[in-house]
């Protein structure tokens, strides 16, 4: 287990990336979400490893990228904050009604993060869609619930973040002894 690896998870549009950006501004090592980068790359190249085209290929690309980021982060000292973790891929597949391949489940069990996982709850006031975030409000709420269930089933302790401004949220995370 990597006690200095912290995950921020939840549904889309709940402020994860804004929080990660603020934590990076404060000097923390941060790892960006892989999903958005893959969507941009696939759209530019005309590929179909997209959540609205080939969901399994998209999940495999996320696993490959997230595992590489996890391994690369081993060289970093101090806390490392991940915008989503490998277990998010299990949650994604579950949400899509797709089977979880054994290698995906095994990787999620083997590549451990700190036992405390930060969950950004669905928050209607800040939820917004864009070209890469096409989920509806209902899908965003369901995603948050599935991520909570997925991480809990893997033995993680969920700490729900307050629905407040980014600076206060970052202060909350820092107060949780993420040092």
N, C-alpha and C. Protein backbone atom coordinates (compact mmCIF):
# COMPACT_ATOMS: atom_id res chain seq x y z
N UNK A 1 0.84 -1.18 0.00
CA UNK A 1 0.00 0.00 0.00
C UNK A 1 0.88 1.24 0.00
N UNK A 2 0.39 2.27 -0.62
CA UNK A 2 1.09 3.53 -0.67
C UNK A 2 0.30 4.56 0.14
N UNK A 3 0.66 4.69 1.42
CA UNK A 3 -0.07 5.58 2.31
C UNK A 3 -0.01 7.04 1.88
N UNK A 4 0.96 7.39 1.05
CA UNK A 4 1.07 8.78 0.62
C UNK A 4 0.35 9.04 -0.71
N UNK A 5 -0.36 8.04 -1.22
CA UNK A 5 -1.17 8.19 -2.44
C UNK A 5 -2.62 8.40 -2.02
N UNK A 6 -3.19 9.55 -2.37
CA UNK A 6 -4.57 9.87 -2.01
C UNK A 6 -5.41 10.01 -3.27
N UNK A 7 -6.62 9.45 -3.25
CA UNK A 7 -7.53 9.51 -4.39
C UNK A 7 -8.67 10.47 -4.09
N UNK A 8 -9.01 11.27 -5.10
CA UNK A 8 -10.23 12.07 -5.09
C UNK A 8 -11.12 11.46 -6.17
N UNK A 9 -12.29 10.99 -5.78
CA UNK A 9 -13.21 10.35 -6.71
C UNK A 9 -14.60 10.95 -6.57
N UNK A 10 -15.53 10.46 -7.35
CA UNK A 10 -16.91 10.93 -7.32
C UNK A 10 -17.46 10.96 -8.73
N UNK A 11 -18.61 11.57 -8.87
CA UNK A 11 -19.22 11.68 -10.19
C UNK A 11 -18.63 12.83 -10.99
N UNK A 12 -18.98 12.92 -12.26
CA UNK A 12 -18.50 14.03 -13.09
C UNK A 12 -19.14 15.34 -12.64
N UNK A 13 -18.39 16.42 -12.79
CA UNK A 13 -18.94 17.74 -12.52
C UNK A 13 -19.12 18.07 -11.05
N UNK A 14 -18.38 17.39 -10.18
CA UNK A 14 -18.53 17.61 -8.73
C UNK A 14 -17.35 18.38 -8.13
N UNK A 15 -16.44 18.85 -8.97
CA UNK A 15 -15.34 19.69 -8.49
C UNK A 15 -14.03 18.99 -8.23
N UNK A 16 -13.87 17.74 -8.70
CA UNK A 16 -12.62 17.00 -8.48
C UNK A 16 -11.41 17.72 -9.08
N UNK A 17 -11.50 18.03 -10.35
CA UNK A 17 -10.36 18.61 -11.05
C UNK A 17 -10.03 20.00 -10.51
N UNK A 18 -11.04 20.78 -10.15
CA UNK A 18 -10.79 22.10 -9.56
C UNK A 18 -10.06 21.95 -8.23
N UNK A 19 -10.45 20.96 -7.44
CA UNK A 19 -9.77 20.71 -6.17
C UNK A 19 -8.33 20.28 -6.40
N UNK A 20 -8.11 19.38 -7.35
CA UNK A 20 -6.76 18.90 -7.67
C UNK A 20 -5.89 20.08 -8.12
N UNK A 21 -6.45 20.96 -8.92
CA UNK A 21 -5.71 22.14 -9.38
C UNK A 21 -5.30 23.02 -8.21
N UNK A 22 -6.20 23.20 -7.24
CA UNK A 22 -5.88 24.01 -6.06
C UNK A 22 -4.81 23.34 -5.22
N UNK A 23 -4.89 22.02 -5.07
CA UNK A 23 -3.87 21.30 -4.29
C UNK A 23 -2.51 21.37 -4.98
N UNK A 24 -2.50 21.32 -6.31
CA UNK A 24 -1.24 21.47 -7.06
C UNK A 24 -0.67 22.87 -6.84
N UNK A 25 -1.55 23.87 -6.84
CA UNK A 25 -1.10 25.25 -6.59
C UNK A 25 -0.45 25.37 -5.23
N UNK A 26 -0.89 24.55 -4.28
CA UNK A 26 -0.33 24.57 -2.93
C UNK A 26 0.94 23.73 -2.81
N UNK A 27 1.37 23.14 -3.90
CA UNK A 27 2.64 22.43 -3.89
C UNK A 27 2.56 20.92 -3.80
N UNK A 28 1.36 20.36 -3.81
CA UNK A 28 1.23 18.91 -3.76
C UNK A 28 1.50 18.32 -5.14
N UNK A 29 2.04 17.09 -5.15
CA UNK A 29 2.15 16.33 -6.40
C UNK A 29 0.73 15.90 -6.75
N UNK A 30 0.34 16.09 -8.00
CA UNK A 30 -0.99 15.68 -8.43
C UNK A 30 -0.91 14.89 -9.73
N UNK A 31 -1.85 13.98 -9.87
CA UNK A 31 -1.94 13.14 -11.07
C UNK A 31 -3.30 13.41 -11.71
N UNK A 32 -3.32 13.88 -12.96
CA UNK A 32 -4.60 14.21 -13.61
C UNK A 32 -5.42 12.97 -13.95
N UNK A 33 -6.71 13.21 -14.13
CA UNK A 33 -7.62 12.15 -14.56
C UNK A 33 -7.23 11.69 -15.96
N UNK A 34 -7.22 10.38 -16.18
CA UNK A 34 -6.83 9.87 -17.50
C UNK A 34 -7.96 9.94 -18.52
N UNK A 35 -9.20 9.84 -18.06
CA UNK A 35 -10.33 9.76 -18.97
C UNK A 35 -10.42 10.91 -19.95
N UNK A 36 -10.30 12.13 -19.45
CA UNK A 36 -10.41 13.30 -20.34
C UNK A 36 -9.30 13.31 -21.38
N UNK A 37 -8.08 12.98 -20.97
CA UNK A 37 -6.96 12.96 -21.92
C UNK A 37 -7.20 11.93 -23.01
N UNK A 38 -7.71 10.77 -22.62
CA UNK A 38 -7.98 9.72 -23.61
C UNK A 38 -9.06 10.18 -24.58
N UNK A 39 -10.12 10.81 -24.05
CA UNK A 39 -11.19 11.30 -24.93
C UNK A 39 -10.63 12.30 -25.94
N UNK A 40 -9.81 13.25 -25.47
CA UNK A 40 -9.21 14.24 -26.39
C UNK A 40 -8.37 13.54 -27.46
N UNK A 41 -7.51 12.60 -27.02
CA UNK A 41 -6.64 11.89 -27.98
C UNK A 41 -7.45 11.10 -29.00
N UNK A 42 -8.45 10.39 -28.52
CA UNK A 42 -9.26 9.57 -29.43
C UNK A 42 -10.05 10.43 -30.41
N UNK A 43 -10.56 11.58 -29.93
CA UNK A 43 -11.31 12.46 -30.83
C UNK A 43 -10.39 13.07 -31.89
N UNK A 44 -9.16 13.41 -31.49
CA UNK A 44 -8.21 13.99 -32.45
C UNK A 44 -7.75 12.96 -33.47
N UNK A 45 -7.60 11.70 -33.03
CA UNK A 45 -7.09 10.67 -33.95
C UNK A 45 -8.19 9.91 -34.68
N UNK A 46 -9.44 10.19 -34.33
CA UNK A 46 -10.55 9.46 -34.95
C UNK A 46 -10.72 8.06 -34.38
N UNK A 47 -10.15 7.82 -33.20
CA UNK A 47 -10.26 6.51 -32.56
C UNK A 47 -11.63 6.28 -31.95
N UNK A 48 -11.88 5.05 -31.52
CA UNK A 48 -13.19 4.75 -30.94
C UNK A 48 -13.12 4.26 -29.49
N UNK A 49 -11.96 4.41 -28.83
CA UNK A 49 -11.86 4.06 -27.41
C UNK A 49 -12.46 5.21 -26.60
N UNK A 50 -13.77 5.36 -26.76
CA UNK A 50 -14.52 6.46 -26.17
C UNK A 50 -15.70 5.92 -25.37
N UNK A 51 -16.14 6.65 -24.35
CA UNK A 51 -17.24 6.14 -23.53
C UNK A 51 -18.56 6.04 -24.31
N UNK A 52 -18.68 6.70 -25.44
CA UNK A 52 -19.90 6.59 -26.23
C UNK A 52 -19.71 5.72 -27.48
N UNK A 53 -18.54 5.10 -27.60
CA UNK A 53 -18.28 4.23 -28.76
C UNK A 53 -17.91 2.82 -28.27
N UNK A 54 -16.65 2.63 -27.85
CA UNK A 54 -16.18 1.32 -27.38
C UNK A 54 -15.77 1.46 -25.91
N UNK A 55 -16.74 1.24 -25.04
CA UNK A 55 -16.51 1.45 -23.60
C UNK A 55 -15.43 0.55 -23.02
N UNK A 56 -15.35 -0.69 -23.49
CA UNK A 56 -14.33 -1.61 -22.96
C UNK A 56 -12.94 -1.15 -23.39
N UNK A 57 -12.80 -0.72 -24.63
CA UNK A 57 -11.50 -0.21 -25.10
C UNK A 57 -11.12 1.04 -24.31
N UNK A 58 -12.10 1.89 -24.03
CA UNK A 58 -11.87 3.10 -23.22
C UNK A 58 -11.38 2.71 -21.82
N UNK A 59 -12.02 1.72 -21.21
CA UNK A 59 -11.62 1.25 -19.88
C UNK A 59 -10.21 0.68 -19.90
N UNK A 60 -9.88 -0.07 -20.92
CA UNK A 60 -8.52 -0.65 -21.03
C UNK A 60 -7.47 0.45 -21.19
N UNK A 61 -7.79 1.49 -21.96
CA UNK A 61 -6.86 2.61 -22.12
C UNK A 61 -6.68 3.34 -20.78
N UNK A 62 -7.78 3.51 -20.03
CA UNK A 62 -7.67 4.15 -18.72
C UNK A 62 -6.81 3.31 -17.79
N UNK A 63 -7.00 2.00 -17.79
CA UNK A 63 -6.21 1.12 -16.94
C UNK A 63 -4.72 1.24 -17.27
N UNK A 64 -4.41 1.19 -18.54
CA UNK A 64 -3.01 1.30 -18.98
C UNK A 64 -2.39 2.62 -18.50
N UNK A 65 -3.10 3.72 -18.70
CA UNK A 65 -2.59 5.04 -18.34
C UNK A 65 -2.53 5.21 -16.82
N UNK A 66 -3.57 4.74 -16.11
CA UNK A 66 -3.61 4.90 -14.65
C UNK A 66 -2.53 4.05 -13.98
N UNK A 67 -2.28 2.87 -14.50
CA UNK A 67 -1.24 2.01 -13.94
C UNK A 67 0.15 2.62 -14.16
N UNK A 68 0.36 3.19 -15.33
CA UNK A 68 1.64 3.86 -15.62
C UNK A 68 1.82 5.06 -14.68
N UNK A 69 0.76 5.84 -14.46
CA UNK A 69 0.83 7.00 -13.57
C UNK A 69 1.10 6.54 -12.13
N UNK A 70 0.47 5.46 -11.72
CA UNK A 70 0.66 4.91 -10.37
C UNK A 70 2.13 4.48 -10.19
N UNK A 71 2.65 3.79 -11.19
CA UNK A 71 4.05 3.34 -11.12
C UNK A 71 5.02 4.52 -11.15
N UNK A 72 4.74 5.51 -12.01
CA UNK A 72 5.61 6.69 -12.08
C UNK A 72 5.59 7.47 -10.77
N UNK A 73 4.44 7.50 -10.09
CA UNK A 73 4.30 8.25 -8.85
C UNK A 73 5.11 7.64 -7.71
N UNK A 74 5.54 6.39 -7.86
CA UNK A 74 6.35 5.74 -6.83
C UNK A 74 7.63 6.54 -6.57
N UNK A 75 8.11 7.25 -7.57
CA UNK A 75 9.36 8.01 -7.44
C UNK A 75 9.17 9.35 -6.73
N UNK A 76 7.92 9.74 -6.50
CA UNK A 76 7.65 11.04 -5.88
C UNK A 76 7.67 10.92 -4.36
N UNK A 77 8.22 11.93 -3.71
CA UNK A 77 8.20 11.93 -2.25
C UNK A 77 7.07 12.84 -1.77
N UNK A 78 6.57 12.57 -0.59
CA UNK A 78 5.46 13.34 -0.06
C UNK A 78 4.14 12.89 -0.64
N UNK A 79 3.06 13.55 -0.24
CA UNK A 79 1.73 13.14 -0.70
C UNK A 79 1.56 13.31 -2.21
N UNK A 80 0.84 12.37 -2.80
CA UNK A 80 0.48 12.43 -4.22
C UNK A 80 -1.04 12.33 -4.27
N UNK A 81 -1.67 13.29 -4.93
CA UNK A 81 -3.13 13.35 -5.02
C UNK A 81 -3.53 12.95 -6.43
N UNK A 82 -4.35 11.90 -6.53
CA UNK A 82 -4.80 11.38 -7.82
C UNK A 82 -6.22 11.85 -8.12
N UNK A 83 -6.43 12.38 -9.31
CA UNK A 83 -7.77 12.70 -9.80
C UNK A 83 -8.31 11.40 -10.37
N UNK A 84 -9.00 10.65 -9.53
CA UNK A 84 -9.50 9.29 -9.77
C UNK A 84 -8.37 8.28 -9.64
N UNK A 85 -8.73 7.07 -9.22
CA UNK A 85 -7.77 5.99 -9.06
C UNK A 85 -8.17 4.79 -9.91
N UNK A 86 -7.36 3.77 -9.89
CA UNK A 86 -7.62 2.56 -10.66
C UNK A 86 -8.98 1.95 -10.32
N UNK A 87 -9.43 1.95 -9.05
CA UNK A 87 -10.77 1.41 -8.76
C UNK A 87 -11.90 2.13 -9.50
N UNK A 88 -11.67 3.37 -9.92
CA UNK A 88 -12.70 4.08 -10.69
C UNK A 88 -13.05 3.33 -11.97
N UNK A 89 -12.09 2.58 -12.52
CA UNK A 89 -12.35 1.81 -13.74
C UNK A 89 -13.35 0.70 -13.44
N UNK A 90 -13.22 0.06 -12.27
CA UNK A 90 -14.21 -0.96 -11.87
C UNK A 90 -15.59 -0.32 -11.78
N UNK A 91 -15.64 0.85 -11.14
CA UNK A 91 -16.91 1.55 -11.01
C UNK A 91 -17.50 1.92 -12.37
N UNK A 92 -16.65 2.37 -13.27
CA UNK A 92 -17.09 2.73 -14.61
C UNK A 92 -17.70 1.52 -15.33
N UNK A 93 -17.01 0.40 -15.29
CA UNK A 93 -17.52 -0.80 -15.96
C UNK A 93 -18.84 -1.26 -15.33
N UNK A 94 -18.92 -1.19 -14.00
CA UNK A 94 -20.16 -1.56 -13.31
C UNK A 94 -21.30 -0.64 -13.74
N UNK A 95 -21.02 0.64 -13.78
CA UNK A 95 -22.01 1.64 -14.18
C UNK A 95 -22.53 1.38 -15.60
N UNK A 96 -21.63 0.93 -16.47
CA UNK A 96 -21.99 0.65 -17.86
C UNK A 96 -22.64 -0.71 -18.05
N UNK A 97 -22.70 -1.51 -16.98
CA UNK A 97 -23.27 -2.85 -17.09
C UNK A 97 -22.35 -3.81 -17.82
N UNK A 98 -21.06 -3.51 -17.83
CA UNK A 98 -20.08 -4.37 -18.51
C UNK A 98 -19.39 -5.28 -17.50
N UNK A 99 -18.96 -6.45 -17.92
CA UNK A 99 -18.24 -7.32 -16.99
C UNK A 99 -16.87 -6.73 -16.67
N UNK A 100 -16.41 -6.96 -15.45
CA UNK A 100 -15.09 -6.50 -15.04
C UNK A 100 -14.10 -7.62 -15.35
N UNK A 101 -13.20 -7.41 -16.31
CA UNK A 101 -12.21 -8.44 -16.62
C UNK A 101 -11.36 -8.76 -15.39
N UNK A 102 -10.97 -10.02 -15.22
CA UNK A 102 -10.18 -10.40 -14.04
C UNK A 102 -8.91 -9.57 -13.86
N UNK A 103 -8.22 -9.20 -14.95
CA UNK A 103 -6.98 -8.42 -14.79
C UNK A 103 -7.27 -7.01 -14.28
N UNK A 104 -8.43 -6.46 -14.57
CA UNK A 104 -8.79 -5.14 -14.07
C UNK A 104 -9.06 -5.22 -12.57
N UNK A 105 -9.84 -6.23 -12.17
CA UNK A 105 -10.13 -6.42 -10.74
C UNK A 105 -8.85 -6.68 -9.95
N UNK A 106 -7.97 -7.50 -10.50
CA UNK A 106 -6.71 -7.83 -9.81
C UNK A 106 -5.83 -6.59 -9.66
N UNK A 107 -5.77 -5.77 -10.69
CA UNK A 107 -4.96 -4.55 -10.62
C UNK A 107 -5.52 -3.59 -9.57
N UNK A 108 -6.84 -3.45 -9.51
CA UNK A 108 -7.46 -2.56 -8.52
C UNK A 108 -7.21 -3.04 -7.10
N UNK A 109 -7.11 -4.34 -6.92
CA UNK A 109 -6.83 -4.89 -5.59
C UNK A 109 -5.35 -4.77 -5.23
N UNK A 110 -4.48 -4.86 -6.22
CA UNK A 110 -3.03 -4.86 -5.97
C UNK A 110 -2.45 -3.45 -5.84
N UNK A 111 -2.91 -2.53 -6.66
CA UNK A 111 -2.38 -1.16 -6.66
C UNK A 111 -3.18 -0.35 -5.64
N UNK A 112 -2.70 -0.35 -4.41
CA UNK A 112 -3.44 0.27 -3.30
C UNK A 112 -3.03 1.73 -3.08
N UNK A 113 -3.99 2.48 -2.61
CA UNK A 113 -3.80 3.88 -2.25
C UNK A 113 -3.99 4.00 -0.74
N UNK A 114 -3.87 5.21 -0.21
CA UNK A 114 -4.16 5.44 1.19
C UNK A 114 -5.59 4.96 1.47
N UNK A 115 -5.80 4.42 2.67
CA UNK A 115 -7.12 3.89 3.03
C UNK A 115 -8.21 4.95 2.98
N UNK A 116 -7.83 6.22 3.15
CA UNK A 116 -8.82 7.31 3.10
C UNK A 116 -8.95 7.79 1.66
N UNK A 117 -10.17 7.71 1.14
CA UNK A 117 -10.47 8.18 -0.21
C UNK A 117 -11.43 9.35 -0.09
N UNK A 118 -11.13 10.43 -0.80
CA UNK A 118 -11.98 11.62 -0.77
C UNK A 118 -13.02 11.54 -1.88
N UNK A 119 -14.27 11.68 -1.50
CA UNK A 119 -15.39 11.59 -2.44
C UNK A 119 -16.02 12.97 -2.61
N UNK A 120 -16.08 13.45 -3.85
CA UNK A 120 -16.79 14.68 -4.14
C UNK A 120 -18.24 14.29 -4.42
N UNK A 121 -19.17 14.67 -3.54
CA UNK A 121 -20.56 14.28 -3.74
C UNK A 121 -21.18 15.03 -4.92
N UNK A 122 -22.22 14.44 -5.49
CA UNK A 122 -22.95 15.14 -6.55
C UNK A 122 -23.44 16.48 -5.98
N UNK A 123 -23.29 17.53 -6.76
CA UNK A 123 -23.66 18.87 -6.31
C UNK A 123 -24.30 19.59 -7.49
N UNK A 124 -25.62 19.66 -7.46
CA UNK A 124 -26.38 20.20 -8.59
C UNK A 124 -25.95 21.62 -8.97
N UNK A 125 -25.62 22.44 -7.98
CA UNK A 125 -25.29 23.84 -8.24
C UNK A 125 -24.04 24.02 -9.10
N UNK A 126 -23.12 23.06 -9.07
CA UNK A 126 -21.89 23.25 -9.87
C UNK A 126 -21.80 22.29 -11.05
N UNK A 127 -22.74 21.34 -11.15
CA UNK A 127 -22.70 20.37 -12.25
C UNK A 127 -22.87 21.08 -13.59
N UNK A 128 -21.99 20.72 -14.54
CA UNK A 128 -22.10 21.26 -15.90
C UNK A 128 -21.59 20.22 -16.89
N UNK A 129 -22.16 20.21 -18.07
CA UNK A 129 -21.71 19.31 -19.13
C UNK A 129 -20.79 20.10 -20.07
N UNK A 130 -19.94 19.36 -20.79
CA UNK A 130 -19.11 19.98 -21.83
C UNK A 130 -18.86 18.93 -22.90
N UNK A 131 -17.95 19.22 -23.82
CA UNK A 131 -17.75 18.30 -24.94
C UNK A 131 -17.18 16.96 -24.51
N UNK A 132 -16.47 16.92 -23.38
CA UNK A 132 -15.90 15.67 -22.89
C UNK A 132 -16.74 15.06 -21.77
N UNK A 133 -17.49 15.90 -21.05
CA UNK A 133 -18.34 15.43 -19.96
C UNK A 133 -19.78 15.49 -20.46
N UNK A 134 -20.23 14.38 -21.02
CA UNK A 134 -21.56 14.35 -21.64
C UNK A 134 -22.63 13.72 -20.76
N UNK A 135 -22.26 13.28 -19.55
CA UNK A 135 -23.21 12.62 -18.68
C UNK A 135 -24.31 13.58 -18.22
N UNK A 136 -25.49 13.01 -17.98
CA UNK A 136 -26.60 13.79 -17.45
C UNK A 136 -26.46 13.91 -15.93
N UNK A 137 -27.30 14.73 -15.32
CA UNK A 137 -27.31 14.86 -13.86
C UNK A 137 -27.58 13.50 -13.20
N UNK A 138 -28.52 12.76 -13.76
CA UNK A 138 -28.86 11.44 -13.21
C UNK A 138 -27.66 10.50 -13.28
N UNK A 139 -26.96 10.52 -14.41
CA UNK A 139 -25.76 9.68 -14.55
C UNK A 139 -24.66 10.13 -13.59
N UNK A 140 -24.54 11.43 -13.37
CA UNK A 140 -23.52 11.94 -12.44
C UNK A 140 -23.81 11.46 -11.02
N UNK A 141 -25.07 11.51 -10.61
CA UNK A 141 -25.44 11.02 -9.27
C UNK A 141 -25.18 9.52 -9.15
N UNK A 142 -25.53 8.77 -10.19
CA UNK A 142 -25.32 7.32 -10.18
C UNK A 142 -23.82 7.00 -10.13
N UNK A 143 -23.01 7.77 -10.85
CA UNK A 143 -21.56 7.56 -10.85
C UNK A 143 -21.01 7.76 -9.44
N UNK A 144 -21.43 8.80 -8.78
CA UNK A 144 -20.96 9.06 -7.41
C UNK A 144 -21.30 7.88 -6.51
N UNK A 145 -22.53 7.38 -6.60
CA UNK A 145 -22.96 6.25 -5.77
C UNK A 145 -22.14 5.00 -6.06
N UNK A 146 -21.88 4.73 -7.34
CA UNK A 146 -21.10 3.54 -7.71
C UNK A 146 -19.65 3.66 -7.24
N UNK A 147 -19.08 4.86 -7.32
CA UNK A 147 -17.69 5.03 -6.85
C UNK A 147 -17.62 4.80 -5.34
N UNK A 148 -18.60 5.30 -4.60
CA UNK A 148 -18.64 5.07 -3.16
C UNK A 148 -18.69 3.55 -2.88
N UNK A 149 -19.58 2.85 -3.56
CA UNK A 149 -19.73 1.40 -3.37
C UNK A 149 -18.46 0.65 -3.77
N UNK A 150 -17.85 1.03 -4.88
CA UNK A 150 -16.66 0.35 -5.38
C UNK A 150 -15.49 0.47 -4.40
N UNK A 151 -15.21 1.68 -3.98
CA UNK A 151 -14.09 1.88 -3.05
C UNK A 151 -14.37 1.24 -1.70
N UNK A 152 -15.60 1.31 -1.22
CA UNK A 152 -15.96 0.68 0.05
C UNK A 152 -15.77 -0.83 -0.04
N UNK A 153 -16.20 -1.43 -1.14
CA UNK A 153 -16.05 -2.88 -1.33
C UNK A 153 -14.59 -3.30 -1.35
N UNK A 154 -13.70 -2.40 -1.76
CA UNK A 154 -12.26 -2.69 -1.79
C UNK A 154 -11.57 -2.37 -0.46
N UNK A 155 -12.36 -1.98 0.55
CA UNK A 155 -11.81 -1.75 1.88
C UNK A 155 -11.33 -0.35 2.16
N UNK A 156 -11.68 0.61 1.31
CA UNK A 156 -11.29 1.99 1.53
C UNK A 156 -12.30 2.68 2.45
N UNK A 157 -11.84 3.70 3.14
CA UNK A 157 -12.69 4.53 4.00
C UNK A 157 -13.03 5.79 3.23
N UNK A 158 -14.31 6.07 3.07
CA UNK A 158 -14.75 7.22 2.30
C UNK A 158 -14.86 8.45 3.20
N UNK A 159 -14.23 9.53 2.78
CA UNK A 159 -14.39 10.83 3.43
C UNK A 159 -15.06 11.74 2.41
N UNK A 160 -16.31 12.07 2.68
CA UNK A 160 -17.05 12.92 1.75
C UNK A 160 -16.63 14.38 1.94
N UNK A 161 -16.35 15.03 0.84
CA UNK A 161 -15.93 16.43 0.88
C UNK A 161 -17.14 17.34 1.03
N UNK A 162 -16.96 18.44 1.75
CA UNK A 162 -18.09 19.37 1.92
C UNK A 162 -18.42 20.07 0.59
N UNK A 163 -19.69 20.41 0.45
CA UNK A 163 -20.14 21.18 -0.71
C UNK A 163 -19.88 22.65 -0.41
N UNK A 164 -18.68 23.08 -0.76
CA UNK A 164 -18.25 24.44 -0.47
C UNK A 164 -17.24 24.87 -1.52
N UNK A 165 -16.74 26.08 -1.40
CA UNK A 165 -15.79 26.60 -2.39
C UNK A 165 -14.49 25.78 -2.40
N UNK A 166 -13.75 25.91 -3.48
CA UNK A 166 -12.54 25.10 -3.70
C UNK A 166 -11.49 25.33 -2.62
N UNK A 167 -11.25 26.56 -2.22
CA UNK A 167 -10.24 26.85 -1.21
C UNK A 167 -10.60 26.15 0.11
N UNK A 168 -11.85 26.22 0.52
CA UNK A 168 -12.29 25.57 1.75
C UNK A 168 -12.20 24.05 1.62
N UNK A 169 -12.54 23.53 0.45
CA UNK A 169 -12.41 22.08 0.22
C UNK A 169 -10.94 21.66 0.33
N UNK A 170 -10.05 22.44 -0.27
CA UNK A 170 -8.63 22.11 -0.20
C UNK A 170 -8.14 22.19 1.25
N UNK A 171 -8.60 23.19 1.99
CA UNK A 171 -8.24 23.30 3.41
C UNK A 171 -8.71 22.04 4.16
N UNK A 172 -9.91 21.56 3.83
CA UNK A 172 -10.47 20.37 4.46
C UNK A 172 -9.56 19.16 4.18
N UNK A 173 -9.16 18.98 2.91
CA UNK A 173 -8.30 17.86 2.56
C UNK A 173 -6.97 17.96 3.32
N UNK A 174 -6.38 19.14 3.33
CA UNK A 174 -5.10 19.32 4.02
C UNK A 174 -5.23 19.05 5.52
N UNK A 175 -6.38 19.39 6.10
CA UNK A 175 -6.60 19.16 7.54
C UNK A 175 -6.74 17.67 7.87
N UNK A 176 -6.92 16.84 6.85
CA UNK A 176 -7.07 15.40 7.06
C UNK A 176 -5.71 14.69 7.13
N UNK A 177 -4.68 15.46 7.39
CA UNK A 177 -3.29 14.95 7.52
C UNK A 177 -2.79 14.32 6.23
N UNK A 178 -3.01 15.00 5.16
CA UNK A 178 -2.49 14.58 3.85
C UNK A 178 -1.12 15.22 3.71
N UNK A 179 -0.17 14.81 4.59
CA UNK A 179 1.20 15.33 4.54
C UNK A 179 2.18 14.19 4.73
